[in-house]
Each structure stands twice: as structure tokens, then as C-alpha cells.
Amino acid sequence: MYFTITASPYGDIALTANEEGLTALSFQQGASPLIIDNSYTESKEHFIEVCKQLEEYFSGERIVFNLPLAPQGTPFQQKVWQALTTIKQGDTQSYLWIAKKINNEKAVRAVGAANGKNPIALIIPCHRVIGANGKLTGYAGGLGLKAKLLMHEKAHFTV
């Protein structure tokens, strides 16, 4: 397992990866900073393309990420995270929309929990999920960061 810390306009981002792909992306100023332990080796080389695409995203040049991802989670979480990747930049969706997308309309609360466990924030765009009423709902990086990301993407939501 490898890690690096990179700067962004919204604070430092911790990245981890294995040989299969990116395993985590976490804004370090949020409520849930990524804890890097001795099982990780620092390696900027493993993150050159990730950092390049993040820079392009923050400069407004990139709207879709194209990276190998390797998030660890249950089969249900994997389904939810896959559904999240279909929400285009500038769009927002509700937890119910995701539940319908994975053909499990009654799993709205479970979808919310899986969304909250997304280990690859931003690239698997959990920040694009808002309440059915159009208002911001929880985000590991905090609602302020969620609002900034959605404003960066020119998405519509209410505060």
C-alpha cells in the first residue's frame, strides 16, 4: 500500500493506493481525515496521474476522472459507489435516485450509509448526493466543503 499527500484549493488531500488502483482519497481538514499507519509506504510516483487529474479538475479543465479505482467495501457498498460514478459533474441526485438506480428502492437508508463510507471522495462523487428537498446533507469533509465542491462544479442546490 502506498500513500501521498497533495495540496488542493480546499486543503490537503491524502491518497492511498495498492497495485490495482486508488483505494482512498480524503480531504484532511474534514471530520474524517485519513489515518496513515506503518502499513503504507510514501510514494509520489504511484500518484502522478491522480495528482495531474486532480489539478485539471480544480482548474476546471477536467469533468470526468479516468483512473483505476480499488475501493474496499461490501458488495452492496460497491453497487452504491458504482452508481455514484454515473452522476455527472454539475448534476446532483438524491439517495432515493441511487436506491432506484441499484434496483433496491427500499434501501434509501442503507444507500445513505454506503454513501457515507465511500473511501474515494470526489472521484467517486458522493458530494453530488443531496436531500430530496434539494438541500445539502452530510459529507465527511463537512457541509462547507461539499458546498464549495458543488459550486466549483456549478451544481444546483439549496442551503
Protein backbone atom coordinates (compact mmCIF):
# COMPACT_ATOMS: atom_id res chain seq x y z
CA MET A 1 0.00 0.00 0.00
CA TYR A 2 1.20 3.47 -0.93
CA PHE A 3 0.25 6.99 0.12
CA THR A 4 0.92 10.61 -0.62
CA ILE A 5 -0.46 13.95 0.49
CA THR A 6 -1.24 16.55 -2.16
CA ALA A 7 -2.44 20.12 -1.90
CA SER A 8 -5.75 21.35 -3.30
CA PRO A 9 -7.59 24.68 -3.24
CA TYR A 10 -9.70 23.17 -0.43
CA GLY A 11 -6.88 21.83 1.73
CA ASP A 12 -4.60 18.82 1.77
CA ILE A 13 -5.79 15.56 0.26
CA ALA A 14 -4.49 12.17 1.40
CA LEU A 15 -4.33 9.48 -1.28
CA THR A 16 -3.73 5.75 -0.87
CA ALA A 17 -3.36 3.05 -3.50
CA ASN A 18 -2.45 -0.57 -4.00
CA GLU A 19 -1.25 -2.27 -7.18
CA GLU A 20 -4.84 -2.38 -8.52
CA GLY A 21 -5.58 1.32 -8.17
CA LEU A 22 -6.60 4.17 -5.91
CA THR A 23 -8.03 2.93 -2.60
CA ALA A 24 -8.76 6.22 -0.82
CA LEU A 25 -8.98 9.98 -1.28
CA SER A 26 -9.68 12.04 1.81
CA PHE A 27 -9.73 15.78 2.45
CA GLN A 28 -7.61 16.04 5.58
CA GLN A 29 -9.38 19.09 7.03
CA GLY A 30 -12.72 17.26 7.22
CA ALA A 31 -14.33 15.40 10.06
CA SER A 32 -12.74 12.11 8.97
CA PRO A 33 -9.11 12.65 7.96
CA LEU A 34 -7.38 9.56 6.62
CA ILE A 35 -5.06 7.96 9.14
CA ILE A 36 -1.85 6.70 7.54
CA ASP A 37 -0.16 3.94 9.51
CA ASN A 38 3.05 1.90 9.10
CA SER A 39 1.44 -0.40 6.51
CA TYR A 40 1.76 2.41 3.93
CA THR A 41 4.87 3.48 2.06
CA GLU A 42 5.13 7.09 0.89
CA SER A 43 5.40 7.22 -2.90
CA LYS A 44 4.65 10.23 -5.08
CA GLU A 45 5.38 8.12 -8.18
CA HIS A 46 2.24 5.99 -7.67
CA PHE A 47 0.07 9.12 -7.75
CA ILE A 48 1.42 11.16 -10.69
CA GLU A 49 -1.68 10.59 -12.85
CA VAL A 50 -4.10 11.03 -9.94
CA CYS A 51 -2.49 14.35 -8.97
CA LYS A 52 -2.48 15.50 -12.61
CA GLN A 53 -6.20 14.74 -12.98
CA LEU A 54 -6.99 16.43 -9.64
CA GLU A 55 -5.12 19.56 -10.77
CA GLU A 56 -7.10 19.52 -14.03
CA TYR A 57 -10.36 19.12 -12.09
CA PHE A 58 -9.61 22.01 -9.74
CA SER A 59 -8.53 24.25 -12.65
CA GLY A 60 -11.81 23.50 -14.46
CA GLU A 61 -10.17 21.53 -17.30
CA ARG A 62 -11.47 18.06 -16.27
CA ILE A 63 -15.04 16.95 -15.68
CA VAL A 64 -14.54 13.15 -15.73
CA PHE A 65 -11.83 11.19 -13.91
CA ASN A 66 -10.23 8.26 -15.71
CA LEU A 67 -8.28 6.32 -13.11
CA PRO A 68 -8.05 2.72 -11.90
CA LEU A 69 -10.02 2.53 -8.65
CA ALA A 70 -9.83 -0.18 -5.98
CA PRO A 71 -12.18 0.81 -3.13
CA GLN A 72 -12.64 -1.84 -0.46
CA GLY A 73 -16.23 -2.49 0.62
CA THR A 74 -19.16 -4.88 0.74
CA PRO A 75 -20.92 -5.90 -2.48
CA PHE A 76 -23.79 -3.53 -1.58
CA GLN A 77 -21.37 -0.62 -1.00
CA GLN A 78 -19.65 -1.39 -4.31
CA LYS A 79 -23.03 -1.17 -6.11
CA VAL A 80 -23.77 2.18 -4.50
CA TRP A 81 -20.32 3.55 -5.29
CA GLN A 82 -20.64 2.40 -8.89
CA ALA A 83 -23.99 4.21 -9.13
CA LEU A 84 -22.36 7.37 -7.76
CA THR A 85 -19.90 7.38 -10.65
CA THR A 86 -22.82 7.86 -13.06
CA ILE A 87 -23.75 11.26 -11.57
CA LYS A 88 -22.25 13.77 -13.97
CA GLN A 89 -20.40 16.88 -12.85
CA GLY A 90 -22.88 19.72 -12.39
CA ASP A 91 -25.71 17.31 -11.52
CA THR A 92 -26.99 16.26 -8.11
CA GLN A 93 -29.12 13.29 -7.16
CA SER A 94 -30.94 12.01 -4.09
CA TYR A 95 -30.45 8.86 -2.04
CA LEU A 96 -33.75 7.60 -3.48
CA TRP A 97 -32.42 8.07 -7.01
CA ILE A 98 -29.39 5.92 -6.15
CA ALA A 99 -31.60 3.28 -4.49
CA LYS A 100 -33.67 3.09 -7.68
CA LYS A 101 -30.50 3.00 -9.80
CA ILE A 102 -29.33 -0.15 -7.96
CA ASN A 103 -32.85 -1.66 -8.17
CA ASN A 104 -33.43 -1.51 -4.42
CA GLU A 105 -35.87 1.36 -3.89
CA LYS A 106 -36.47 0.49 -0.23
CA ALA A 107 -32.77 0.71 0.65
CA VAL A 108 -32.63 4.51 0.90
CA ARG A 109 -31.12 4.50 4.42
CA ALA A 110 -28.63 1.78 3.51
CA VAL A 111 -27.67 3.80 0.43
CA GLY A 112 -27.05 6.79 2.67
CA ALA A 113 -24.83 4.70 4.93
CA ALA A 114 -22.89 3.28 1.96
CA ASN A 115 -22.52 6.78 0.52
CA GLY A 116 -21.02 7.88 3.84
CA LYS A 117 -18.49 5.03 3.72
CA ASN A 118 -17.21 5.96 0.26
CA PRO A 119 -13.41 5.81 0.60
CA ILE A 120 -12.61 7.69 -2.61
CA ALA A 121 -14.25 11.08 -2.10
CA LEU A 122 -14.53 13.43 -5.07
CA ILE A 123 -13.55 10.84 -7.71
CA ILE A 124 -16.46 8.63 -6.62
CA PRO A 125 -18.67 11.72 -6.31
CA CYS A 126 -20.60 11.23 -3.07
CA HIS A 127 -20.67 15.03 -2.70
CA ARG A 128 -23.21 15.11 -5.57
CA VAL A 129 -25.84 13.41 -3.40
CA ILE A 130 -28.19 15.86 -1.72
CA GLY A 131 -31.52 15.59 0.06
CA ALA A 132 -34.70 15.01 -1.94
CA ASN A 133 -35.65 18.60 -0.99
CA GLY A 134 -32.54 19.93 -2.78
CA LYS A 135 -30.70 20.74 0.45
CA LEU A 136 -27.21 19.64 1.40
CA THR A 137 -26.92 16.53 3.55
CA GLY A 138 -23.93 15.09 5.41
CA TYR A 139 -20.45 14.91 3.99
CA ALA A 140 -17.30 13.54 5.64
CA GLY A 141 -15.42 16.67 4.63
CA GLY A 142 -18.14 18.87 6.15
CA LEU A 143 -21.05 20.68 4.53
CA GLY A 144 -18.89 23.74 3.82
CA LEU A 145 -16.54 21.68 1.66
CA LYS A 146 -19.46 19.91 0.00
CA ALA A 147 -20.98 23.29 -0.93
CA LYS A 148 -17.63 24.52 -2.30
CA LEU A 149 -17.22 21.40 -4.45
CA LEU A 150 -20.76 21.69 -5.81
CA MET A 151 -20.26 25.40 -6.53
CA HIS A 152 -16.99 24.56 -8.29
CA GLU A 153 -18.98 22.13 -10.45
CA LYS A 154 -21.79 24.70 -10.97
CA ALA A 155 -24.36 22.31 -9.50
CA HIS A 156 -27.76 23.47 -8.23
CA PHE A 157 -28.70 23.01 -4.56
CA THR A 158 -30.22 24.99 -1.71
CA VAL A 159 -28.58 25.81 1.59
